Protein backbone atom coordinates (compact mmCIF):
# COMPACT_ATOMS: atom_id res chain seq x y z
CA MET A 1 12.48 -6.55 16.26
CA SER A 2 9.32 -4.26 17.55
CA ALA A 3 8.16 -4.93 20.97
CA ALA A 4 5.43 -7.48 21.43
CA VAL A 5 1.93 -6.31 21.38
CA THR A 6 -1.08 -8.04 22.15
CA ALA A 7 -3.75 -7.88 19.29
CA TYR A 8 -7.54 -8.89 19.21
CA LEU A 9 -8.50 -10.93 16.00
CA LEU A 10 -12.14 -12.15 14.83
CA LEU A 11 -12.53 -14.93 12.57
CA GLY A 12 -15.28 -15.67 10.88
CA SER A 13 -16.82 -18.06 7.93
CA ASN A 14 -20.16 -19.17 6.59
CA LEU A 15 -19.12 -21.42 3.66
CA GLY A 16 -17.76 -24.85 3.74
CA ASP A 17 -16.61 -26.65 6.87
CA ARG A 18 -16.63 -23.38 8.64
CA ALA A 19 -14.91 -24.88 12.29
CA ALA A 20 -12.29 -26.44 9.97
CA LEU A 21 -11.43 -23.36 8.02
CA LEU A 22 -11.41 -21.23 11.29
CA ARG A 23 -9.25 -23.93 13.04
CA ALA A 24 -6.76 -23.94 9.90
CA ALA A 25 -6.46 -19.96 10.13
CA GLN A 26 -5.85 -20.16 14.00
CA GLN A 27 -2.83 -22.62 13.05
CA GLN A 28 -1.97 -20.41 10.42
CA LEU A 29 -1.61 -17.31 12.20
CA ALA A 30 -0.03 -18.88 14.84
CA THR A 31 2.82 -19.56 12.36
CA THR A 32 2.93 -16.69 10.61
CA ALA A 33 1.47 -14.12 13.17
CA GLY A 34 2.75 -14.70 16.59
CA GLU A 35 1.73 -16.76 19.63
CA ILE A 36 -2.41 -17.24 20.43
CA ILE A 37 -2.61 -16.59 23.68
CA ALA A 38 -6.42 -17.08 24.01
CA ALA A 39 -8.88 -18.09 21.87
CA SER A 40 -12.58 -18.20 22.32
CA ALA A 41 -15.11 -21.21 21.93
CA LEU A 42 -16.90 -20.64 18.48
CA TYR A 43 -20.33 -19.21 18.03
CA GLU A 44 -22.70 -19.37 15.39
CA THR A 45 -24.63 -16.05 14.38
CA ALA A 46 -27.16 -15.11 11.44
CA ALA A 47 -25.44 -13.19 8.85
CA TRP A 48 -24.94 -9.37 9.77
CA GLY A 49 -25.62 -6.81 7.27
CA ARG A 50 -26.78 -9.52 4.58
CA GLU A 51 -28.99 -11.84 6.42
CA ASP A 52 -29.70 -13.73 3.31
CA GLN A 53 -26.92 -15.84 3.44
CA PRO A 54 -25.53 -18.95 5.75
CA ALA A 55 -25.00 -18.68 9.67
CA PHE A 56 -21.52 -17.42 10.28
CA LEU A 57 -19.30 -19.08 12.95
CA ASN A 58 -17.06 -16.49 14.45
CA GLN A 59 -13.81 -17.08 17.00
CA ALA A 60 -11.99 -14.28 18.64
CA LEU A 61 -8.42 -14.36 18.95
CA ALA A 62 -5.59 -12.85 21.46
CA ILE A 63 -2.43 -12.77 19.76
CA ARG A 64 1.11 -11.69 21.19
CA THR A 65 3.05 -10.31 17.91
CA THR A 66 5.36 -8.42 17.00
CA LEU A 67 4.41 -7.51 13.65
CA PRO A 68 3.55 -4.28 12.68
CA PRO A 69 -0.17 -3.84 12.17
CA GLU A 70 0.30 -3.36 8.53
CA LEU A 71 2.16 -6.43 8.69
CA LEU A 72 -0.30 -8.02 10.86
CA LEU A 73 -3.16 -7.62 8.26
CA ALA A 74 -1.12 -8.85 5.57
CA GLN A 75 -1.02 -12.21 7.53
CA CYS A 76 -4.90 -12.07 8.25
CA LEU A 77 -5.03 -11.70 4.64
CA ALA A 78 -2.90 -14.23 3.53
CA ALA A 79 -5.18 -16.59 5.82
CA GLU A 80 -8.25 -15.58 3.94
CA ARG A 81 -6.62 -15.90 1.03
CA HIS A 82 -5.25 -19.41 1.70
CA ALA A 83 -8.93 -20.10 2.85
CA GLY A 84 -10.04 -19.66 -0.90
CA ARG A 85 -11.57 -16.19 0.14
CA GLU A 86 -13.32 -14.41 -2.22
CA ARG A 87 -14.28 -10.73 -2.51
CA LEU A 88 -17.46 -10.76 -4.57
CA GLU A 89 -19.54 -7.92 -2.65
CA ARG A 90 -19.60 -6.29 0.60
CA TRP A 91 -21.08 -8.19 3.88
CA GLY A 92 -21.18 -11.50 1.50
CA SER A 93 -20.64 -15.00 1.94
CA ARG A 94 -17.28 -16.01 2.74
CA THR A 95 -14.82 -19.08 3.42
CA LEU A 96 -12.97 -16.63 6.26
CA ASP A 97 -13.18 -13.63 7.26
CA VAL A 98 -9.97 -12.22 9.56
CA ASP A 99 -10.56 -8.75 11.11
CA ILE A 100 -8.19 -6.85 13.53
CA LEU A 101 -10.48 -5.55 16.42
CA LEU A 102 -7.66 -3.91 18.24
CA TYR A 103 -4.02 -3.59 18.24
CA GLY A 104 -2.82 -3.02 21.96
CA PRO A 105 -4.22 0.58 22.88
CA GLU A 106 -3.60 1.88 19.23
CA ILE A 107 -5.49 3.95 17.17
CA ILE A 108 -5.01 3.33 13.47
CA ASP A 109 -6.55 5.52 10.83
CA GLN A 110 -5.40 4.50 7.33
CA PRO A 111 -6.65 3.90 4.19
CA SER A 112 -6.50 0.00 4.29
CA LEU A 113 -6.27 -0.87 7.96
CA THR A 114 -8.76 0.97 10.77
CA VAL A 115 -8.02 -0.06 14.79
CA PRO A 116 -10.17 -0.27 16.54
CA HIS A 117 -12.55 -1.96 14.10
CA PRO A 118 -14.89 0.87 13.08
CA ARG A 119 -17.93 -1.24 13.75
CA LEU A 120 -16.91 -3.15 16.75
CA ALA A 121 -19.15 -1.32 19.19
CA GLU A 122 -21.91 -2.00 17.03
CA ARG A 123 -21.46 -5.88 16.45
CA ARG A 124 -22.67 -8.41 18.98
CA PHE A 125 -21.10 -11.10 16.80
CA ALA A 126 -17.60 -9.53 17.72
CA LEU A 127 -18.11 -8.28 21.16
CA VAL A 128 -19.32 -12.03 22.71
CA PRO A 129 -16.54 -13.95 21.54
CA LEU A 130 -14.15 -10.87 22.47
CA ALA A 131 -15.75 -10.54 26.12
CA GLU A 132 -15.26 -13.72 26.45
CA ILE A 133 -11.20 -13.57 26.14
CA ALA A 134 -10.74 -9.96 27.53
CA PRO A 135 -14.10 -8.33 29.18
CA GLU A 136 -11.94 -6.22 31.24
CA LEU A 137 -9.84 -4.77 28.02
CA GLU A 138 -10.74 -0.85 27.30
CA HIS A 139 -11.61 0.16 23.81
CA PRO A 140 -8.83 2.94 23.37
CA GLN A 141 -11.35 5.20 21.83
CA ALA A 142 -14.92 4.71 23.58
CA GLY A 143 -13.24 4.48 26.84
CA LEU A 144 -15.46 1.41 27.62
CA THR A 145 -14.55 -2.10 28.61
CA VAL A 146 -15.44 -4.70 26.09
CA THR A 147 -18.20 -5.94 28.88
CA GLU A 148 -19.52 -2.25 28.33
CA LEU A 149 -19.81 -2.17 25.41
CA LEU A 150 -21.35 -5.48 24.68
CA ALA A 151 -24.27 -4.34 27.11
CA ARG A 152 -25.09 -1.02 25.09
CA CYS A 153 -24.45 -2.94 21.72
CA PRO A 154 -27.62 -2.23 19.48
CA ASP A 155 -27.43 -4.94 17.63
CA PRO A 156 -30.24 -7.28 18.06
CA LEU A 157 -28.77 -10.48 16.44
CA PRO A 158 -28.62 -13.72 18.71
CA VAL A 159 -25.14 -15.46 19.14
CA ARG A 160 -25.18 -18.83 20.11
CA ALA A 161 -22.29 -21.07 21.39
CA TRP A 162 -21.53 -23.43 18.88
CA LEU A 163 -21.34 -27.30 19.51
CA ASP A 164 -19.85 -29.19 16.30
CA ALA A 165 -21.26 -32.68 15.51
CA ALA A 166 -19.24 -34.17 17.98
CA GLY A 167 -20.86 -31.82 20.96
CA GLU A 168 -17.46 -30.60 21.41
């Protein structure tokens, strides 16, 4: 068995009951991928890349896992499939998207997996929830903390804390 590593994931949804889909994905990942040790609040933002679609809800998770990166990715993709994800177009609407933002201090460059996420520093919707749960976490390539990356982020899209219908 591998030593446990803390990985950081970003969940996103802009179709269906977005909050319920994120909750279900979190529960599934807690069962299949490792122990969720931190979860951000939910944040809403306009779609990045293709803005002519519904707004996204996003949430960052810290997960203690003994899975190697490739198997963690497989569990993330399984959660997407379970939520009915269809990959029809790049940056299109989706029921669920699960990205591996960071996997411990590792730098991974494979055809199927790049970690740290290659566009993390450009995406406010990922940095805001990540900064909530790991503000001092250092990006292994940039040498900057998540807070510093957020301060330098060029993404102009606003990211707002989201309250569901019950005000939670």
